[in-house]
Amino acid sequence: MNYPTWSDLDNESIVPPLGARRAPDIGSVAVMVSCEPDIKLIKLNAVNPETAPFFMSTLMTPDICDKGISIAGPFIGAPYAAMLLESLIAKGADKIIVIGWCGAVTDQLEVGDIILPAKALVDEGTSCNYKVLDSDIPSSTPDLNLTDQLSDHLTDSEIGFQRAIIWTTDAIYRETENKVAHFRKLGAQAVEMECSALFSVAQYRNVQIAGLLVVSDSVASKDWDHGFRKKRFKLARQKACESVIAFAEKLCENE
């Protein structure tokens, strides 16, 4: 029998997040980058990046503005993503932008499309440790204000995107035809592995979070359409990375 985590949300963890025992040192704004190729892309354009190990990832604090913008990643899966986010928050971050890839679950999306998640359907085991989930359609949402600000920034930058409901799964190799159809019926347009958990953690810790995803492949039909080498996907990744860093810089300047 699983422990009823929903009944224990007011109790503190015995193990504190990394950084909780020392003064915050990374600034208010953090970018979480899920995929290694995007980390490399961002690092190429960073000014004097200071790089340090961060669990199994890397933490960079580029000299972008006076206080600096932290960049953490790569990461995969809800538990590890939540672990990174908890530690970034403990180190002082309270405005977090997540950038990653996702798979389309509807033919209304194409490889290279850019998505601004409006809601994430919970199909992972981390969120229940941070919030009471709806028994019918468990979901988690990003911060509306930060998401609107990112939306405005993308519009001003003339970057095409659409707001969408996404589905967060723990099992990338169990995206079956029946399961895809189920979550598509609930409104999901794309699938990935971290966002619902990250949104749940941010809500629990009372910090702002928003996400931006690039469609890398599609499981909308029986045949998997992998678009990782397509030019449109590569160009969209570059646009997404550049726009997120520019948005983070703007947030930092307004601190």
C-alpha atoms as a PDB file:
ATOM      1  CA  MET A   1       0.000   0.000   0.000  1.00  0.00           C
ATOM      2  CA  ASN A   2       1.304   3.453  -0.916  1.00  0.00           C
ATOM      3  CA  TYR A   3       1.746   6.073   1.798  1.00  0.00           C
ATOM      4  CA  PRO A   4      -1.007   8.761   1.592  1.00  0.00           C
ATOM      5  CA  THR A   5       1.325  11.624   0.673  1.00  0.00           C
ATOM      6  CA  TRP A   6      -1.591  14.065   0.425  1.00  0.00           C
ATOM      7  CA  SER A   7      -2.031  13.788   4.212  1.00  0.00           C
ATOM      8  CA  ASP A   8       1.568  14.839   4.930  1.00  0.00           C
ATOM      9  CA  LEU A   9       2.003  18.039   2.923  1.00  0.00           C
ATOM     10  CA  ASP A  10       2.416  20.306   5.966  1.00  0.00           C
ATOM     11  CA  ASN A  11       5.418  18.422   7.359  1.00  0.00           C
ATOM     12  CA  GLU A  12       9.013  19.361   6.512  1.00  0.00           C
ATOM     13  CA  SER A  13      11.377  16.867   4.917  1.00  0.00           C
ATOM     14  CA  ILE A  14      14.116  15.386   7.074  1.00  0.00           C
ATOM     15  CA  VAL A  15      16.580  15.843   4.202  1.00  0.00           C
ATOM     16  CA  PRO A  16      16.887  19.527   3.151  1.00  0.00           C
ATOM     17  CA  PRO A  17      17.382  20.522  -0.498  1.00  0.00           C
ATOM     18  CA  LEU A  18      20.940  21.292  -1.557  1.00  0.00           C
ATOM     19  CA  GLY A  19      21.713  24.896  -0.643  1.00  0.00           C
ATOM     20  CA  ALA A  20      19.132  25.209   2.127  1.00  0.00           C
ATOM     21  CA  ARG A  21      21.799  25.491   4.823  1.00  0.00           C
ATOM     22  CA  ARG A  22      23.642  28.409   3.253  1.00  0.00           C
ATOM     23  CA  ALA A  23      22.800  31.875   1.979  1.00  0.00           C
ATOM     24  CA  PRO A  24      21.197  32.108  -1.473  1.00  0.00           C
ATOM     25  CA  ASP A  25      23.901  32.675  -4.060  1.00  0.00           C
ATOM     26  CA  ILE A  26      22.502  32.257  -7.566  1.00  0.00           C
ATOM     27  CA  GLY A  27      20.065  35.134  -7.973  1.00  0.00           C
ATOM     28  CA  SER A  28      16.332  35.204  -8.507  1.00  0.00           C
ATOM     29  CA  VAL A  29      16.062  34.011 -12.115  1.00  0.00           C
ATOM     30  CA  ALA A  30      16.869  30.457 -13.216  1.00  0.00           C
ATOM     31  CA  VAL A  31      16.490  28.608 -16.496  1.00  0.00           C
ATOM     32  CA  MET A  32      16.091  24.834 -16.431  1.00  0.00           C
ATOM     33  CA  VAL A  33      17.187  23.226 -19.711  1.00  0.00           C
ATOM     34  CA  SER A  34      16.167  19.595 -20.070  1.00  0.00           C
ATOM     35  CA  CYS A  35      18.209  18.539 -23.123  1.00  0.00           C
ATOM     36  CA  GLU A  36      21.999  18.412 -23.475  1.00  0.00           C
ATOM     37  CA  PRO A  37      22.074  19.848 -27.043  1.00  0.00           C
ATOM     38  CA  ASP A  38      20.242  22.954 -25.822  1.00  0.00           C
ATOM     39  CA  ILE A  39      22.664  23.322 -22.898  1.00  0.00           C
ATOM     40  CA  LYS A  40      25.522  23.335 -25.412  1.00  0.00           C
ATOM     41  CA  LEU A  41      23.700  25.819 -27.635  1.00  0.00           C
ATOM     42  CA  ILE A  42      23.094  28.219 -24.753  1.00  0.00           C
ATOM     43  CA  LYS A  43      26.638  27.849 -23.447  1.00  0.00           C
ATOM     44  CA  LEU A  44      28.063  28.876 -26.835  1.00  0.00           C
ATOM     45  CA  ASN A  45      26.313  32.234 -26.533  1.00  0.00           C
ATOM     46  CA  ALA A  46      26.957  32.792 -22.811  1.00  0.00           C
ATOM     47  CA  VAL A  47      29.351  35.486 -21.616  1.00  0.00           C
ATOM     48  CA  ASN A  48      32.017  34.176 -19.237  1.00  0.00           C
ATOM     49  CA  PRO A  49      29.944  31.257 -17.948  1.00  0.00           C
ATOM     50  CA  GLU A  50      30.921  29.875 -14.558  1.00  0.00           C
ATOM     51  CA  THR A  51      30.271  26.144 -14.655  1.00  0.00           C
ATOM     52  CA  ALA A  52      29.956  23.800 -11.697  1.00  0.00           C
ATOM     53  CA  PRO A  53      28.693  20.225 -11.174  1.00  0.00           C
ATOM     54  CA  PHE A  54      25.076  20.124 -10.017  1.00  0.00           C
ATOM     55  CA  PHE A  55      24.111  16.565  -9.087  1.00  0.00           C
ATOM     56  CA  MET A  56      24.335  14.750 -12.464  1.00  0.00           C
ATOM     57  CA  SER A  57      23.869  18.045 -14.292  1.00  0.00           C
ATOM     58  CA  THR A  58      25.669  21.356 -14.695  1.00  0.00           C
ATOM     59  CA  LEU A  59      24.953  24.723 -13.098  1.00  0.00           C
ATOM     60  CA  MET A  60      26.017  27.816 -15.034  1.00  0.00           C
ATOM     61  CA  THR A  61      25.837  31.408 -13.837  1.00  0.00           C
ATOM     62  CA  PRO A  62      26.606  33.495 -16.941  1.00  0.00           C
ATOM     63  CA  ASP A  63      27.553  37.155 -16.568  1.00  0.00           C
ATOM     64  CA  ILE A  64      24.389  38.348 -18.301  1.00  0.00           C
ATOM     65  CA  CYS A  65      23.318  40.981 -15.806  1.00  0.00           C
ATOM     66  CA  ASP A  66      24.379  42.298 -12.419  1.00  0.00           C
ATOM     67  CA  LYS A  67      22.838  39.474 -10.403  1.00  0.00           C
ATOM     68  CA  GLY A  68      23.375  36.744 -12.995  1.00  0.00           C
ATOM     69  CA  ILE A  69      21.040  34.180 -14.478  1.00  0.00           C
ATOM     70  CA  SER A  70      21.437  30.574 -13.416  1.00  0.00           C
ATOM     71  CA  ILE A  71      21.149  27.810 -16.010  1.00  0.00           C
ATOM     72  CA  ALA A  72      20.748  24.215 -14.848  1.00  0.00           C
ATOM     73  CA  GLY A  73      20.558  20.972 -16.803  1.00  0.00           C
ATOM     74  CA  PRO A  74      20.251  18.622 -18.465  1.00  0.00           C
ATOM     75  CA  PHE A  75      17.659  16.538 -16.641  1.00  0.00           C
ATOM     76  CA  ILE A  76      15.216  13.774 -17.449  1.00  0.00           C
ATOM     77  CA  GLY A  77      12.195  12.488 -15.579  1.00  0.00           C
ATOM     78  CA  ALA A  78       9.968  14.055 -12.951  1.00  0.00           C
ATOM     79  CA  PRO A  79      11.818  12.973  -9.755  1.00  0.00           C
ATOM     80  CA  TYR A  80      15.202  14.263 -10.882  1.00  0.00           C
ATOM     81  CA  ALA A  81      13.727  17.462 -12.328  1.00  0.00           C
ATOM     82  CA  ALA A  82      11.964  18.131  -9.009  1.00  0.00           C
ATOM     83  CA  MET A  83      15.233  17.515  -7.160  1.00  0.00           C
ATOM     84  CA  LEU A  84      17.006  20.139  -9.282  1.00  0.00           C
ATOM     85  CA  LEU A  85      14.191  22.643  -8.892  1.00  0.00           C
ATOM     86  CA  GLU A  86      14.057  22.215  -5.112  1.00  0.00           C
ATOM     87  CA  SER A  87      17.782  22.946  -4.931  1.00  0.00           C
ATOM     88  CA  LEU A  88      17.565  25.986  -7.197  1.00  0.00           C
ATOM     89  CA  ILE A  89      14.795  27.371  -4.997  1.00  0.00           C
ATOM     90  CA  ALA A  90      16.859  26.694  -1.873  1.00  0.00           C
ATOM     91  CA  LYS A  91      19.681  28.674  -3.471  1.00  0.00           C
ATOM     92  CA  GLY A  92      17.468  31.693  -4.046  1.00  0.00           C
ATOM     93  CA  ALA A  93      15.665  31.211  -7.376  1.00  0.00           C
ATOM     94  CA  ASP A  94      12.032  32.282  -7.396  1.00  0.00           C
ATOM     95  CA  LYS A  95      11.410  32.834 -11.125  1.00  0.00           C
ATOM     96  CA  ILE A  96      12.083  29.715 -13.184  1.00  0.00           C
ATOM     97  CA  ILE A  97      11.726  29.161 -16.913  1.00  0.00           C
ATOM     98  CA  VAL A  98      11.792  25.583 -18.204  1.00  0.00           C
ATOM     99  CA  ILE A  99      12.811  24.795 -21.769  1.00  0.00           C
ATOM    100  CA  GLY A 100      12.542  21.328 -23.274  1.00  0.00           C
ATOM    101  CA  TRP A 101      11.291  19.075 -26.052  1.00  0.00           C
ATOM    102  CA  CYS A 102       7.985  17.271 -26.399  1.00  0.00           C
ATOM    103  CA  GLY A 103       6.208  14.795 -28.629  1.00  0.00           C
ATOM    104  CA  ALA A 104       3.000  15.674 -30.440  1.00  0.00           C
ATOM    105  CA  VAL A 105      -0.044  13.519 -29.652  1.00  0.00           C
ATOM    106  CA  THR A 106      -2.247  15.211 -32.250  1.00  0.00           C
ATOM    107  CA  ASP A 107      -1.779  15.853 -35.944  1.00  0.00           C
ATOM    108  CA  GLN A 108      -2.525  19.526 -35.254  1.00  0.00           C
ATOM    109  CA  LEU A 109       1.113  19.880 -34.183  1.00  0.00           C
ATOM    110  CA  GLU A 110       4.190  19.459 -36.354  1.00  0.00           C
ATOM    111  CA  VAL A 111       7.864  18.914 -35.610  1.00  0.00           C
ATOM    112  CA  GLY A 112       9.382  22.327 -34.935  1.00  0.00           C
ATOM    113  CA  ASP A 113       6.250  23.898 -33.444  1.00  0.00           C
ATOM    114  CA  ILE A 114       6.747  25.815 -30.198  1.00  0.00           C
ATOM    115  CA  ILE A 115       4.393  25.261 -27.257  1.00  0.00           C
ATOM    116  CA  LEU A 116       3.686  27.349 -24.182  1.00  0.00           C
ATOM    117  CA  PRO A 117       2.185  24.887 -21.657  1.00  0.00           C
ATOM    118  CA  ALA A 118      -1.046  26.137 -20.113  1.00  0.00           C
ATOM    119  CA  LYS A 119      -1.685  22.979 -18.067  1.00  0.00           C
ATOM    120  CA  ALA A 120       0.013  19.631 -17.569  1.00  0.00           C
ATOM    121  CA  LEU A 121      -1.916  16.398 -17.018  1.00  0.00           C
ATOM    122  CA  VAL A 122      -0.261  14.387 -14.251  1.00  0.00           C
ATOM    123  CA  ASP A 123       0.807  10.879 -15.227  1.00  0.00           C
ATOM    124  CA  GLU A 124       3.895  10.810 -12.994  1.00  0.00           C
ATOM    125  CA  GLY A 125       4.489   9.886  -9.377  1.00  0.00           C
ATOM    126  CA  THR A 126       6.171  13.026  -8.056  1.00  0.00           C
ATOM    127  CA  SER A 127       3.346  15.567  -7.995  1.00  0.00           C
ATOM    128  CA  CYS A 128       1.365  13.705  -5.332  1.00  0.00           C
ATOM    129  CA  ASN A 129       4.155  14.525  -2.869  1.00  0.00           C
ATOM    130  CA  TYR A 130       3.505  18.245  -3.382  1.00  0.00           C
ATOM    131  CA  LYS A 131      -0.234  18.693  -3.866  1.00  0.00           C
ATOM    132  CA  VAL A 132      -3.616  17.047  -3.520  1.00  0.00           C
ATOM    133  CA  LEU A 133      -4.477  15.804  -6.986  1.00  0.00           C
ATOM    134  CA  ASP A 134      -7.934  15.787  -8.516  1.00  0.00           C
ATOM    135  CA  SER A 135      -9.117  12.192  -8.563  1.00  0.00           C
ATOM    136  CA  ASP A 136     -10.751  12.509 -11.997  1.00  0.00           C
ATOM    137  CA  ILE A 137      -8.253  14.497 -14.081  1.00  0.00           C
ATOM    138  CA  PRO A 138      -5.116  15.239 -12.036  1.00  0.00           C
ATOM    139  CA  SER A 139      -3.265  18.245 -13.407  1.00  0.00           C
ATOM    140  CA  SER A 140      -0.854  20.999 -12.526  1.00  0.00           C
ATOM    141  CA  THR A 141      -0.448  24.503 -13.915  1.00  0.00           C
ATOM    142  CA  PRO A 142       2.397  26.976 -14.373  1.00  0.00           C
ATOM    143  CA  ASP A 143       2.308  30.472 -12.904  1.00  0.00           C
ATOM    144  CA  LEU A 144      -0.209  32.457 -14.954  1.00  0.00           C
ATOM    145  CA  ASN A 145       1.524  35.827 -14.593  1.00  0.00           C
ATOM    146  CA  LEU A 146       4.968  34.548 -15.620  1.00  0.00           C
ATOM    147  CA  THR A 147       3.432  32.553 -18.480  1.00  0.00           C
ATOM    148  CA  ASP A 148       1.631  35.657 -19.729  1.00  0.00           C
ATOM    149  CA  GLN A 149       4.881  37.637 -19.564  1.00  0.00           C
ATOM    150  CA  LEU A 150       6.675  34.947 -21.567  1.00  0.00           C
ATOM    151  CA  SER A 151       3.785  34.912 -24.049  1.00  0.00           C
ATOM    152  CA  ASP A 152       4.084  38.669 -24.527  1.00  0.00           C
ATOM    153  CA  HIS A 153       7.845  38.356 -24.989  1.00  0.00           C
ATOM    154  CA  LEU A 154       7.449  35.698 -27.678  1.00  0.00           C
ATOM    155  CA  THR A 155       4.829  37.787 -29.461  1.00  0.00           C
ATOM    156  CA  ASP A 156       7.029  40.896 -29.350  1.00  0.00           C
ATOM    157  CA  SER A 157       9.901  38.785 -30.714  1.00  0.00           C
ATOM    158  CA  GLU A 158       7.652  37.575 -33.563  1.00  0.00           C
ATOM    159  CA  ILE A 159       8.110  33.940 -32.566  1.00  0.00           C
ATOM    160  CA  GLY A 160       5.159  31.757 -33.445  1.00  0.00           C
ATOM    161  CA  PHE A 161       3.804  29.565 -30.648  1.00  0.00           C
ATOM    162  CA  GLN A 162       0.605  28.180 -29.227  1.00  0.00           C
ATOM    163  CA  ARG A 163      -0.643  27.575 -25.721  1.00  0.00           C
ATOM    164  CA  ALA A 164      -1.433  23.929 -25.164  1.00  0.00           C
ATOM    165  CA  ILE A 165      -2.310  21.283 -22.618  1.00  0.00           C
ATOM    166  CA  ILE A 166       0.452  18.728 -22.217  1.00  0.00           C
ATOM    167  CA  TRP A 167       0.665  15.252 -20.718  1.00  0.00           C
ATOM    168  CA  THR A 168       3.583  14.364 -18.420  1.00  0.00           C
ATOM    169  CA  THR A 169       4.517  10.679 -18.290  1.00  0.00           C
ATOM    170  CA  ASP A 170       7.078   8.640 -16.357  1.00  0.00           C
ATOM    171  CA  ALA A 171       7.428   5.989 -19.058  1.00  0.00           C
ATOM    172  CA  ILE A 172       8.661   7.149 -22.447  1.00  0.00           C
ATOM    173  CA  TYR A 173       8.603   3.607 -23.828  1.00  0.00           C
ATOM    174  CA  ARG A 174       5.020   2.991 -22.705  1.00  0.00           C
ATOM    175  CA  GLU A 175       3.344   5.641 -24.836  1.00  0.00           C
ATOM    176  CA  THR A 176       0.867   3.146 -26.264  1.00  0.00           C
ATOM    177  CA  GLU A 177      -1.814   3.855 -28.845  1.00  0.00           C
ATOM    178  CA  ASN A 178      -4.543   3.500 -26.211  1.00  0.00           C
ATOM    179  CA  LYS A 179      -2.774   5.742 -23.714  1.00  0.00           C
ATOM    180  CA  VAL A 180      -2.119   8.436 -26.329  1.00  0.00           C
ATOM    181  CA  ALA A 181      -5.798   8.343 -27.322  1.00  0.00           C
ATOM    182  CA  HIS A 182      -6.848   8.636 -23.662  1.00  0.00           C
ATOM    183  CA  PHE A 183      -4.816  11.742 -22.914  1.00  0.00           C
ATOM    184  CA  ARG A 184      -5.649  13.291 -26.274  1.00  0.00           C
ATOM    185  CA  LYS A 185      -9.326  12.898 -25.345  1.00  0.00           C
ATOM    186  CA  LEU A 186      -8.576  14.797 -22.119  1.00  0.00           C
ATOM    187  CA  GLY A 187      -7.217  17.668 -24.172  1.00  0.00           C
ATOM    188  CA  ALA A 188      -3.490  16.935 -24.330  1.00  0.00           C
ATOM    189  CA  GLN A 189      -1.694  18.029 -27.472  1.00  0.00           C
ATOM    190  CA  ALA A 190       1.825  16.935 -26.515  1.00  0.00           C
ATOM    191  CA  VAL A 191       3.703  14.648 -24.143  1.00  0.00           C
ATOM    192  CA  GLU A 192       6.910  15.070 -22.131  1.00  0.00           C
ATOM    193  CA  MET A 193       8.374  13.857 -18.834  1.00  0.00           C
ATOM    194  CA  GLU A 194       8.812  16.697 -16.320  1.00  0.00           C
ATOM    195  CA  CYS A 195       6.487  19.684 -16.516  1.00  0.00           C
ATOM    196  CA  SER A 196       3.579  18.623 -14.314  1.00  0.00           C
ATOM    197  CA  ALA A 197       5.977  17.758 -11.488  1.00  0.00           C
ATOM    198  CA  LEU A 198       7.899  21.016 -11.870  1.00  0.00           C
ATOM    199  CA  PHE A 199       4.663  22.998 -11.804  1.00  0.00           C
ATOM    200  CA  SER A 200       3.572  21.137  -8.655  1.00  0.00           C
ATOM    201  CA  VAL A 201       6.871  21.799  -6.875  1.00  0.00           C
ATOM    202  CA  ALA A 202       6.789  25.492  -7.804  1.00  0.00           C
ATOM    203  CA  GLN A 203       3.245  25.872  -6.523  1.00  0.00           C
ATOM    204  CA  TYR A 204       4.142  24.122  -3.269  1.00  0.00           C
ATOM    205  CA  ARG A 205       7.219  26.323  -2.775  1.00  0.00           C
ATOM    206  CA  ASN A 206       5.336  29.475  -3.799  1.00  0.00           C
ATOM    207  CA  VAL A 207       7.639  30.455  -6.664  1.00  0.00           C
ATOM    208  CA  GLN A 208       6.861  31.411 -10.259  1.00  0.00           C
ATOM    209  CA  ILE A 209       7.442  28.983 -13.126  1.00  0.00           C
ATOM    210  CA  ALA A 210       6.706  28.896 -16.851  1.00  0.00           C
ATOM    211  CA  GLY A 211       7.669  26.491 -19.611  1.00  0.00           C
ATOM    212  CA  LEU A 212       8.502  26.497 -23.299  1.00  0.00           C
ATOM    213  CA  LEU A 213       8.616  23.297 -25.358  1.00  0.00           C
ATOM    214  CA  VAL A 214       9.678  22.492 -28.908  1.00  0.00           C
ATOM    215  CA  VAL A 215       7.964  19.609 -30.716  1.00  0.00           C
ATOM    216  CA  SER A 216      10.711  17.104 -31.542  1.00  0.00           C
ATOM    217  CA  ASP A 217       8.641  14.109 -32.680  1.00  0.00           C
ATOM    218  CA  SER A 218       5.119  12.766 -32.912  1.00  0.00           C
ATOM    219  CA  VAL A 219       3.240   9.774 -31.497  1.00  0.00           C
ATOM    220  CA  ALA A 220      -0.064  10.926 -32.948  1.00  0.00           C
ATOM    221  CA  SER A 221      -0.311   7.803 -35.116  1.00  0.00           C
ATOM    222  CA  LYS A 222       0.847   4.186 -34.916  1.00  0.00           C
ATOM    223  CA  ASP A 223       4.115   5.097 -36.624  1.00  0.00           C
ATOM    224  CA  TRP A 224       6.555   7.183 -34.609  1.00  0.00           C
ATOM    225  CA  ASP A 225       7.639  10.302 -36.476  1.00  0.00           C
ATOM    226  CA  HIS A 226      11.039  11.284 -35.101  1.00  0.00           C
ATOM    227  CA  GLY A 227      12.073  14.734 -36.244  1.00  0.00           C
ATOM    228  CA  PHE A 228      15.257  15.301 -34.261  1.00  0.00           C
ATOM    229  CA  ARG A 229      17.349  15.850 -37.406  1.00  0.00           C
ATOM    230  CA  LYS A 230      14.845  18.003 -39.246  1.00  0.00           C
ATOM    231  CA  LYS A 231      15.963  21.530 -40.075  1.00  0.00           C
ATOM    232  CA  ARG A 232      12.699  23.030 -38.787  1.00  0.00           C
ATOM    233  CA  PHE A 233      13.244  21.432 -35.384  1.00  0.00           C
ATOM    234  CA  LYS A 234      16.826  22.679 -35.149  1.00  0.00           C
ATOM    235  CA  LEU A 235      15.818  26.216 -36.097  1.00  0.00           C
ATOM    236  CA  ALA A 236      12.952  26.169 -33.574  1.00  0.00           C
ATOM    237  CA  ARG A 237      15.320  25.010 -30.830  1.00  0.00           C
ATOM    238  CA  GLN A 238      17.635  27.902 -31.548  1.00  0.00           C
ATOM    239  CA  LYS A 239      14.778  30.403 -31.502  1.00  0.00           C
ATOM    240  CA  ALA A 240      13.401  28.938 -28.280  1.00  0.00           C
ATOM    241  CA  CYS A 241      16.761  28.984 -26.496  1.00  0.00           C
ATOM    242  CA  GLU A 242      17.558  32.531 -27.579  1.00  0.00           C
ATOM    243  CA  SER A 243      14.115  33.818 -26.615  1.00  0.00           C
ATOM    244  CA  VAL A 244      14.137  32.158 -23.186  1.00  0.00           C
ATOM    245  CA  ILE A 245      17.555  33.580 -22.327  1.00  0.00           C
ATOM    246  CA  ALA A 246      16.485  37.030 -23.555  1.00  0.00           C
ATOM    247  CA  PHE A 247      13.332  36.761 -21.443  1.00  0.00           C
ATOM    248  CA  ALA A 248      15.360  35.666 -18.408  1.00  0.00           C
ATOM    249  CA  GLU A 249      17.674  38.627 -18.942  1.00  0.00           C
ATOM    250  CA  LYS A 250      14.681  40.962 -19.015  1.00  0.00           C
ATOM    251  CA  LEU A 251      13.346  39.483 -15.766  1.00  0.00           C
ATOM    252  CA  CYS A 252      16.736  39.888 -14.171  1.00  0.00           C
ATOM    253  CA  GLU A 253      17.057  43.512 -15.223  1.00  0.00           C
ATOM    254  CA  ASN A 254      13.675  44.241 -13.637  1.00  0.00           C
ATOM    255  CA  GLU A 255      14.705  42.827 -10.271  1.00  0.00           C
END
